[in-house]
Amino acid sequence: MAEGRRQRVKNRARLEGIDNFEPHELLELMLYPYVPRKDTKPIAIELLKVFGSLDGVFNASERDLLSVPGMPKGAAFHFPIYYPAVSRAKIEGACRSCVLSNYEEASRYICERIGHLLHEEFLVICLDSKKRVIRAKTFSMNEPSRAEISMRLIADHVLGAQSSGVIVGHNHPSGEITPSFDDMQATQALRKLLESLGIAFLDHIIVYRDKSFSFNKSNLMKAITVPPTFRIAEDGAEDGNGEYE
């Protein structure tokens, strides 16, 4: 009986795609390689019950996934990798001709890269003189409110890419995208760093899913006057139009 249902679900996916699949049906299908010959629907339903949505399932940790009865170890290992893998593939494909010449383009790029994450990450995007992406790297933010990011690592990253300009972004998993005092201080410190390297600091964008806040568009890039006391670890008014000069 289980084999018959499995075959029907697979055939439907081949013929119709997965756009019309219910969330539990999609999880059921994705569990097939890890649970041979058995009905995976009960596991799929329990995953949604515990984590609330597909988004919750794929953002869950391996340990939390294994707490669900019947969840196979292989699936618990691979599910948390799907989001970053798909995001990376999309970004690498887009970056073959990716130009970030304004706030809208940059915010879409950053939202796609880190907006969905449940932990905080800091993204440094290196651009050439035509605002084309040369390289982008994420730096983990270990503390929820005061990340320690190495100035040497950022400097090595942007200099190694021979950047003409830099856009940085980070996500607020809380959903509140208004910049904090720490965010203001971080932006000031980064501006001083990049100016000392002769590299244009174009924007700092805070994201949550598809929402974003731009320091450039809000004219905060020029307005920042607070001293740079935000901990970047030492290793040795009216909105603008969003265009990057």
Protein backbone atom coordinates (compact mmCIF):
# COMPACT_ATOMS: atom_id res chain seq x y z
CA MET A 1 0.00 0.00 0.00
CA ALA A 2 2.82 2.40 0.89
CA GLU A 3 4.65 1.55 -2.33
CA GLY A 4 1.57 2.40 -4.36
CA ARG A 5 1.21 5.81 -2.75
CA ARG A 6 4.93 6.54 -3.11
CA GLN A 7 4.74 5.80 -6.82
CA ARG A 8 1.67 7.98 -7.27
CA VAL A 9 3.35 10.92 -5.51
CA LYS A 10 6.51 10.50 -7.62
CA ASN A 11 4.53 10.32 -10.86
CA ARG A 12 2.60 13.43 -9.91
CA ALA A 13 5.85 15.29 -9.25
CA ARG A 14 7.23 14.20 -12.63
CA LEU A 15 4.10 15.16 -14.57
CA GLU A 16 2.95 18.29 -12.71
CA GLY A 17 5.93 19.56 -10.76
CA ILE A 18 5.61 20.42 -7.07
CA ASP A 19 3.93 23.84 -7.23
CA ASN A 20 0.55 22.42 -6.22
CA PHE A 21 1.86 20.03 -3.56
CA GLU A 22 0.63 20.56 -0.02
CA PRO A 23 3.47 21.14 2.47
CA HIS A 24 3.17 17.66 3.94
CA GLU A 25 3.20 16.12 0.45
CA LEU A 26 6.43 17.88 -0.42
CA LEU A 27 8.09 16.71 2.79
CA GLU A 28 6.70 13.25 2.22
CA LEU A 29 8.35 13.16 -1.21
CA MET A 30 11.65 14.53 0.08
CA LEU A 31 11.79 11.85 2.77
CA TYR A 32 11.52 8.95 0.30
CA PRO A 33 15.29 8.51 -0.27
CA TYR A 34 15.82 8.23 3.48
CA VAL A 35 12.91 5.90 4.33
CA PRO A 36 12.78 2.99 1.86
CA ARG A 37 9.43 1.32 1.15
CA LYS A 38 7.56 2.92 4.06
CA ASP A 39 4.87 5.59 4.28
CA THR A 40 6.55 8.90 5.11
CA LYS A 41 3.34 10.91 5.43
CA PRO A 42 3.13 10.53 9.25
CA ILE A 43 6.68 11.88 9.65
CA ALA A 44 5.93 14.79 7.30
CA ILE A 45 2.79 15.72 9.22
CA GLU A 46 4.63 15.53 12.54
CA LEU A 47 7.44 17.75 11.21
CA LEU A 48 4.92 20.43 10.26
CA LYS A 49 3.17 20.07 13.61
CA VAL A 50 6.44 20.60 15.50
CA PHE A 51 8.03 23.32 13.34
CA GLY A 52 4.91 25.01 11.96
CA SER A 53 5.78 25.33 8.27
CA LEU A 54 8.16 24.25 5.52
CA ASP A 55 10.27 27.27 6.39
CA GLY A 56 10.42 26.13 9.99
CA VAL A 57 11.40 22.60 9.00
CA PHE A 58 14.25 23.69 6.73
CA ASN A 59 15.53 26.22 9.27
CA ALA A 60 15.51 23.67 12.08
CA SER A 61 18.78 22.23 13.36
CA GLU A 62 19.81 18.63 12.84
CA ARG A 63 19.38 18.01 16.55
CA ASP A 64 15.86 19.43 16.64
CA LEU A 65 14.84 17.47 13.56
CA LEU A 66 16.01 14.25 15.16
CA SER A 67 13.65 14.88 18.07
CA VAL A 68 10.71 14.13 15.76
CA PRO A 69 9.71 10.44 15.98
CA GLY A 70 10.73 8.49 12.89
CA MET A 71 12.90 11.24 11.42
CA PRO A 72 15.83 9.51 9.67
CA LYS A 73 19.36 10.67 10.47
CA GLY A 74 20.21 11.25 6.81
CA ALA A 75 17.27 13.59 6.29
CA ALA A 76 18.00 15.43 9.56
CA PHE A 77 21.52 16.07 8.28
CA HIS A 78 20.52 17.19 4.78
CA PHE A 79 17.36 19.26 5.41
CA PRO A 80 19.24 22.18 7.08
CA ILE A 81 21.58 22.31 4.07
CA TYR A 82 18.85 22.80 1.44
CA TYR A 83 18.22 26.51 2.08
CA PRO A 84 21.89 27.57 1.91
CA ALA A 85 22.54 25.31 -1.08
CA VAL A 86 19.62 26.65 -3.12
CA SER A 87 20.41 30.23 -2.11
CA ARG A 88 24.04 29.82 -3.16
CA ALA A 89 23.07 28.29 -6.50
CA LYS A 90 20.67 31.13 -7.28
CA ILE A 91 23.17 33.79 -6.30
CA GLU A 92 26.03 32.22 -8.25
CA GLY A 93 23.79 32.01 -11.31
CA ALA A 94 22.65 35.59 -10.94
CA CYS A 95 26.16 36.86 -10.29
CA ARG A 96 27.33 36.06 -13.79
CA SER A 97 25.74 39.38 -14.74
CA CYS A 98 24.85 40.75 -11.30
CA VAL A 99 24.92 44.55 -11.03
CA LEU A 100 23.98 46.29 -7.77
CA SER A 101 23.63 49.90 -8.84
CA ASN A 102 20.86 50.90 -6.42
CA TYR A 103 19.16 50.03 -3.16
CA GLU A 104 16.46 47.86 -4.71
CA GLU A 105 18.94 45.59 -6.49
CA ALA A 106 21.20 45.34 -3.45
CA SER A 107 18.37 44.64 -1.00
CA ARG A 108 16.98 41.84 -3.20
CA TYR A 109 20.44 40.30 -3.38
CA ILE A 110 20.97 40.46 0.38
CA CYS A 111 17.46 39.23 1.23
CA GLU A 112 18.00 36.26 -1.06
CA ARG A 113 21.33 35.48 0.54
CA ILE A 114 20.68 35.89 4.28
CA GLY A 115 17.13 37.20 4.83
CA HIS A 116 15.70 33.78 5.70
CA LEU A 117 18.32 32.81 8.28
CA LEU A 118 17.38 32.33 11.92
CA HIS A 119 20.87 33.32 13.09
CA GLU A 120 22.59 36.62 12.42
CA GLU A 121 25.12 36.88 9.61
CA PHE A 122 27.12 39.78 8.20
CA LEU A 123 27.57 39.93 4.42
CA VAL A 124 30.32 41.88 2.67
CA ILE A 125 29.78 42.41 -1.08
CA CYS A 126 32.67 43.57 -3.24
CA LEU A 127 31.90 45.50 -6.44
CA ASP A 128 33.95 46.66 -9.39
CA SER A 129 33.79 50.17 -10.87
CA LYS A 130 30.63 49.26 -12.81
CA LYS A 131 28.85 48.01 -9.64
CA ARG A 132 29.18 44.37 -10.70
CA VAL A 133 29.56 41.82 -7.91
CA ILE A 134 33.09 40.46 -7.77
CA ARG A 135 32.85 38.53 -4.54
CA ALA A 136 30.55 38.18 -1.53
CA LYS A 137 31.39 36.64 1.82
CA THR A 138 29.42 36.09 5.01
CA PHE A 139 30.88 36.53 8.47
CA SER A 140 29.14 34.84 11.40
CA MET A 141 27.91 37.10 14.18
CA ASN A 142 28.42 35.06 17.31
CA GLU A 143 26.60 37.31 19.75
CA PRO A 144 22.99 38.40 19.19
CA SER A 145 23.61 42.08 19.87
CA ARG A 146 27.37 42.71 19.66
CA ALA A 147 29.18 40.74 16.98
CA GLU A 148 32.95 40.65 16.88
CA ILE A 149 34.03 40.93 13.26
CA SER A 150 37.70 41.10 12.37
CA MET A 151 38.79 44.25 10.58
CA ARG A 152 41.69 42.31 9.13
CA LEU A 153 39.37 39.69 7.64
CA ILE A 154 37.17 42.35 6.07
CA ALA A 155 40.18 44.27 4.77
CA ASP A 156 41.70 41.09 3.32
CA HIS A 157 38.39 40.24 1.67
CA VAL A 158 37.82 43.59 -0.03
CA LEU A 159 41.47 44.16 -0.98
CA GLY A 160 41.82 40.63 -2.32
CA ALA A 161 38.86 41.25 -4.60
CA GLN A 162 40.36 44.56 -5.79
CA SER A 163 37.07 46.22 -4.91
CA SER A 164 36.07 49.67 -6.08
CA GLY A 165 33.04 49.72 -3.81
CA VAL A 166 31.52 47.73 -0.97
CA ILE A 167 27.97 47.08 0.21
CA VAL A 168 27.44 45.33 3.52
CA GLY A 169 24.32 43.78 4.92
CA HIS A 170 23.18 41.80 7.89
CA ASN A 171 19.95 40.15 8.93
CA HIS A 172 17.79 40.73 12.00
CA PRO A 173 16.12 37.38 12.77
CA SER A 174 13.80 39.19 15.20
CA GLY A 175 12.03 40.79 12.24
CA GLU A 176 12.77 44.36 13.39
CA ILE A 177 14.83 46.02 10.65
CA THR A 178 15.23 49.45 12.25
CA PRO A 179 18.97 49.95 12.92
CA SER A 180 20.11 49.66 16.51
CA PHE A 181 22.74 51.85 18.17
CA ASP A 182 25.23 49.02 17.62
CA ASP A 183 24.31 49.00 13.93
CA MET A 184 24.99 52.73 13.72
CA GLN A 185 28.36 52.32 15.40
CA ALA A 186 29.27 49.37 13.17
CA THR A 187 28.48 51.41 10.09
CA GLN A 188 30.69 54.26 11.28
CA ALA A 189 33.56 51.90 12.04
CA LEU A 190 33.26 50.23 8.65
CA ARG A 191 33.11 53.57 6.88
CA LYS A 192 36.37 54.60 8.54
CA LEU A 193 37.98 51.29 7.59
CA LEU A 194 36.94 51.43 3.93
CA GLU A 195 37.82 55.10 3.55
CA SER A 196 41.30 54.33 4.87
CA LEU A 197 41.61 51.72 2.11
CA GLY A 198 40.38 54.08 -0.59
CA ILE A 199 37.26 52.00 -1.23
CA ALA A 200 33.76 53.50 -1.57
CA PHE A 201 31.32 52.40 1.15
CA LEU A 202 28.03 52.40 -0.75
CA ASP A 203 25.46 51.05 1.69
CA HIS A 204 24.65 49.05 4.79
CA ILE A 205 21.36 47.15 4.45
CA ILE A 206 19.50 45.38 7.25
CA VAL A 207 17.14 42.62 6.15
CA TYR A 208 14.53 40.20 7.40
CA ARG A 209 13.06 37.88 4.79
CA ASP A 210 11.95 40.28 2.02
CA LYS A 211 12.00 43.43 4.17
CA SER A 212 14.97 45.77 4.19
CA PHE A 213 16.35 49.02 5.57
CA SER A 214 19.05 50.96 3.70
CA PHE A 215 21.40 53.39 5.43
CA ASN A 216 22.06 55.01 2.05
CA LYS A 217 18.42 55.44 1.06
CA SER A 218 17.61 56.84 4.50
CA ASN A 219 20.54 59.28 4.32
CA LEU A 220 22.10 57.77 7.43
CA MET A 221 25.42 57.04 5.73
CA LYS A 222 26.28 60.74 5.80
CA ALA A 223 24.50 61.51 9.06
CA ILE A 224 26.41 59.08 11.26
CA THR A 225 28.53 60.95 13.81
CA VAL A 226 28.66 58.52 16.75
CA PRO A 227 32.14 57.31 17.73
CA PRO A 228 33.04 53.82 16.51
CA THR A 229 32.87 51.97 19.82
CA PHE A 230 31.11 48.94 18.34
CA ARG A 231 33.39 45.98 18.82
CA ILE A 232 35.07 45.11 15.58
CA ALA A 233 37.83 42.86 16.80
CA GLU A 234 41.32 44.22 16.26
CA ASP A 235 43.73 41.76 14.68
CA GLY A 236 46.94 43.76 14.92
CA ALA A 237 16.05 62.94 7.06
CA GLU A 238 14.36 62.63 3.71
CA ASP A 239 14.94 59.37 1.95
CA GLY A 240 17.41 59.35 -0.89
CA ASN A 241 16.72 57.82 -4.26
CA GLY A 242 18.70 54.69 -3.50
CA GLU A 243 21.11 55.12 -6.41
CA TYR A 244 24.79 54.41 -5.71
CA GLU A 245 27.18 57.03 -7.02
